[in-house]
C-alpha atoms as a PDB file:
ATOM      1  CA  MET A   1      12.656 -12.978  -7.002  1.00  0.00           C
ATOM      2  CA  ALA A   2      15.906 -11.013  -6.798  1.00  0.00           C
ATOM      3  CA  GLN A   3      15.394  -9.693 -10.329  1.00  0.00           C
ATOM      4  CA  VAL A   4      11.854  -8.598  -9.493  1.00  0.00           C
ATOM      5  CA  GLU A   5      13.032  -6.794  -6.348  1.00  0.00           C
ATOM      6  CA  ARG A   6      15.835  -5.111  -8.300  1.00  0.00           C
ATOM      7  CA  SER A   7      13.304  -3.853 -10.865  1.00  0.00           C
ATOM      8  CA  LEU A   8      11.020  -2.599  -8.127  1.00  0.00           C
ATOM      9  CA  ARG A   9      13.861  -0.653  -6.537  1.00  0.00           C
ATOM     10  CA  THR A  10      14.892   0.962  -9.818  1.00  0.00           C
ATOM     11  CA  ARG A  11      11.918   1.270 -12.174  1.00  0.00           C
ATOM     12  CA  LEU A  12       9.179   1.853  -9.647  1.00  0.00           C
ATOM     13  CA  ALA A  13      11.046   3.404  -6.731  1.00  0.00           C
ATOM     14  CA  ASP A  14       9.781   6.932  -7.325  1.00  0.00           C
ATOM     15  CA  LEU A  15       6.116   6.050  -7.766  1.00  0.00           C
ATOM     16  CA  PRO A  16       3.567   6.564  -4.999  1.00  0.00           C
ATOM     17  CA  VAL A  17       2.795   3.230  -3.352  1.00  0.00           C
ATOM     18  CA  LEU A  18       0.027   2.115  -1.016  1.00  0.00           C
ATOM     19  CA  THR A  19       0.171  -1.325   0.552  1.00  0.00           C
ATOM     20  CA  LEU A  20      -2.899  -2.792   2.239  1.00  0.00           C
ATOM     21  CA  PHE A  21      -2.378  -5.673   4.612  1.00  0.00           C
ATOM     22  CA  GLY A  22      -4.308  -7.576   7.222  1.00  0.00           C
ATOM     23  CA  ARG A  23      -2.819  -7.050  10.658  1.00  0.00           C
ATOM     24  CA  GLU A  24      -3.736 -10.641  11.544  1.00  0.00           C
ATOM     25  CA  ASN A  25      -1.671 -12.259   8.774  1.00  0.00           C
ATOM     26  CA  ASP A  26       1.859 -11.403   7.663  1.00  0.00           C
ATOM     27  CA  PRO A  27       3.770 -14.601   8.504  1.00  0.00           C
ATOM     28  CA  TYR A  28       6.556 -13.903   6.001  1.00  0.00           C
ATOM     29  CA  GLY A  29       7.128 -10.271   6.945  1.00  0.00           C
ATOM     30  CA  TRP A  30       6.106  -8.835   3.589  1.00  0.00           C
ATOM     31  CA  GLN A  31       5.238  -5.444   5.014  1.00  0.00           C
ATOM     32  CA  ASN A  32       8.772  -4.985   6.326  1.00  0.00           C
ATOM     33  CA  ARG A  33      10.130  -6.088   2.964  1.00  0.00           C
ATOM     34  CA  PHE A  34       7.874  -3.662   1.082  1.00  0.00           C
ATOM     35  CA  GLN A  35       8.989  -0.813   3.385  1.00  0.00           C
ATOM     36  CA  GLN A  36      12.603  -1.589   2.462  1.00  0.00           C
ATOM     37  CA  ILE A  37      11.839  -1.643  -1.266  1.00  0.00           C
ATOM     38  CA  PHE A  38       9.546   1.391  -1.140  1.00  0.00           C
ATOM     39  CA  PRO A  39      10.741   3.504   1.795  1.00  0.00           C
ATOM     40  CA  HIS A  40       8.211   6.249   1.056  1.00  0.00           C
ATOM     41  CA  ALA A  41       5.250   3.884   0.726  1.00  0.00           C
ATOM     42  CA  THR A  42       2.142   4.252   2.809  1.00  0.00           C
ATOM     43  CA  ALA A  43       1.260   1.041   4.631  1.00  0.00           C
ATOM     44  CA  ALA A  44      -2.354   0.674   5.678  1.00  0.00           C
ATOM     45  CA  GLY A  45      -3.066  -2.129   8.123  1.00  0.00           C
ATOM     46  CA  ILE A  46      -6.599  -3.449   8.236  1.00  0.00           C
ATOM     47  CA  ASP A  47      -7.588  -4.418  11.775  1.00  0.00           C
ATOM     48  CA  ASP A  48      -8.885  -7.982  11.978  1.00  0.00           C
ATOM     49  CA  GLY A  49      -7.771  -8.442   8.361  1.00  0.00           C
ATOM     50  CA  HIS A  50      -6.120 -11.652   7.231  1.00  0.00           C
ATOM     51  CA  HIS A  51      -4.632 -12.761   3.909  1.00  0.00           C
ATOM     52  CA  PHE A  52      -7.324 -10.978   1.880  1.00  0.00           C
ATOM     53  CA  PRO A  53      -8.113  -7.847   3.908  1.00  0.00           C
ATOM     54  CA  PHE A  54     -10.320  -6.454   1.144  1.00  0.00           C
ATOM     55  CA  ASN A  55     -12.666  -9.403   1.768  1.00  0.00           C
ATOM     56  CA  ASP A  56     -12.448  -9.155   5.549  1.00  0.00           C
ATOM     57  CA  ASN A  57     -13.231  -5.453   5.691  1.00  0.00           C
ATOM     58  CA  PRO A  58     -13.946  -3.920   2.269  1.00  0.00           C
ATOM     59  CA  ASP A  59     -15.106  -0.624   3.773  1.00  0.00           C
ATOM     60  CA  ALA A  60     -11.807  -0.133   5.624  1.00  0.00           C
ATOM     61  CA  CYS A  61      -9.851  -0.939   2.456  1.00  0.00           C
ATOM     62  CA  ALA A  62     -11.922   1.479   0.388  1.00  0.00           C
ATOM     63  CA  SER A  63     -11.494   4.171   3.017  1.00  0.00           C
ATOM     64  CA  ALA A  64      -7.721   3.645   3.148  1.00  0.00           C
ATOM     65  CA  MET A  65      -7.463   3.852  -0.651  1.00  0.00           C
ATOM     66  CA  SER A  66      -9.627   6.961  -0.842  1.00  0.00           C
ATOM     67  CA  THR A  67      -7.678   8.714   1.900  1.00  0.00           C
ATOM     68  CA  TRP A  68      -4.348   7.779   0.313  1.00  0.00           C
ATOM     69  CA  TRP A  69      -5.519   8.958  -3.107  1.00  0.00           C
ATOM     70  CA  SER A  70      -6.647  12.290  -1.716  1.00  0.00           C
ATOM     71  CA  GLN A  71      -3.514  12.880   0.335  1.00  0.00           C
ATOM     72  CA  LYS A  72      -0.795  11.608  -2.000  1.00  0.00           C
ATOM     73  CA  LEU A  73      -1.912  11.701  -5.604  1.00  0.00           C
ATOM     74  CA  ALA A  74      -4.575  14.354  -5.759  1.00  0.00           C
ATOM     75  CA  ALA A  75      -2.423  16.747  -3.712  1.00  0.00           C
ATOM     76  CA  ALA A  76       0.601  16.115  -5.957  1.00  0.00           C
ATOM     77  CA  THR A  77      -1.359  16.873  -9.121  1.00  0.00           C
ATOM     78  CA  GLY A  78      -3.533  19.616  -7.714  1.00  0.00           C
ATOM     79  CA  SER A  79      -6.597  17.523  -8.473  1.00  0.00           C
ATOM     80  CA  SER A  80      -9.501  16.966  -6.158  1.00  0.00           C
ATOM     81  CA  ALA A  81     -10.457  13.651  -7.752  1.00  0.00           C
ATOM     82  CA  ASN A  82     -11.898  11.025  -5.469  1.00  0.00           C
ATOM     83  CA  LEU A  83     -12.348   7.306  -5.940  1.00  0.00           C
END
């Protein structure tokens, strides 16, 4: 796991990152860990979401991804592409 985290910090550190997580289930503190690895990441918590928030509330996940895409990636490239 240490090697994976080291690669994430070096090879992927400058990439835009969105993490989706269920607010009802993060027993191991992964969101805090991801924020340390990717300090500029956008974390989207899905209310009433559990281990698979995209199953619990697919509309909220789709909305979070679409908003993130529009704000972070499309703005950076000057594109108006939507999901």
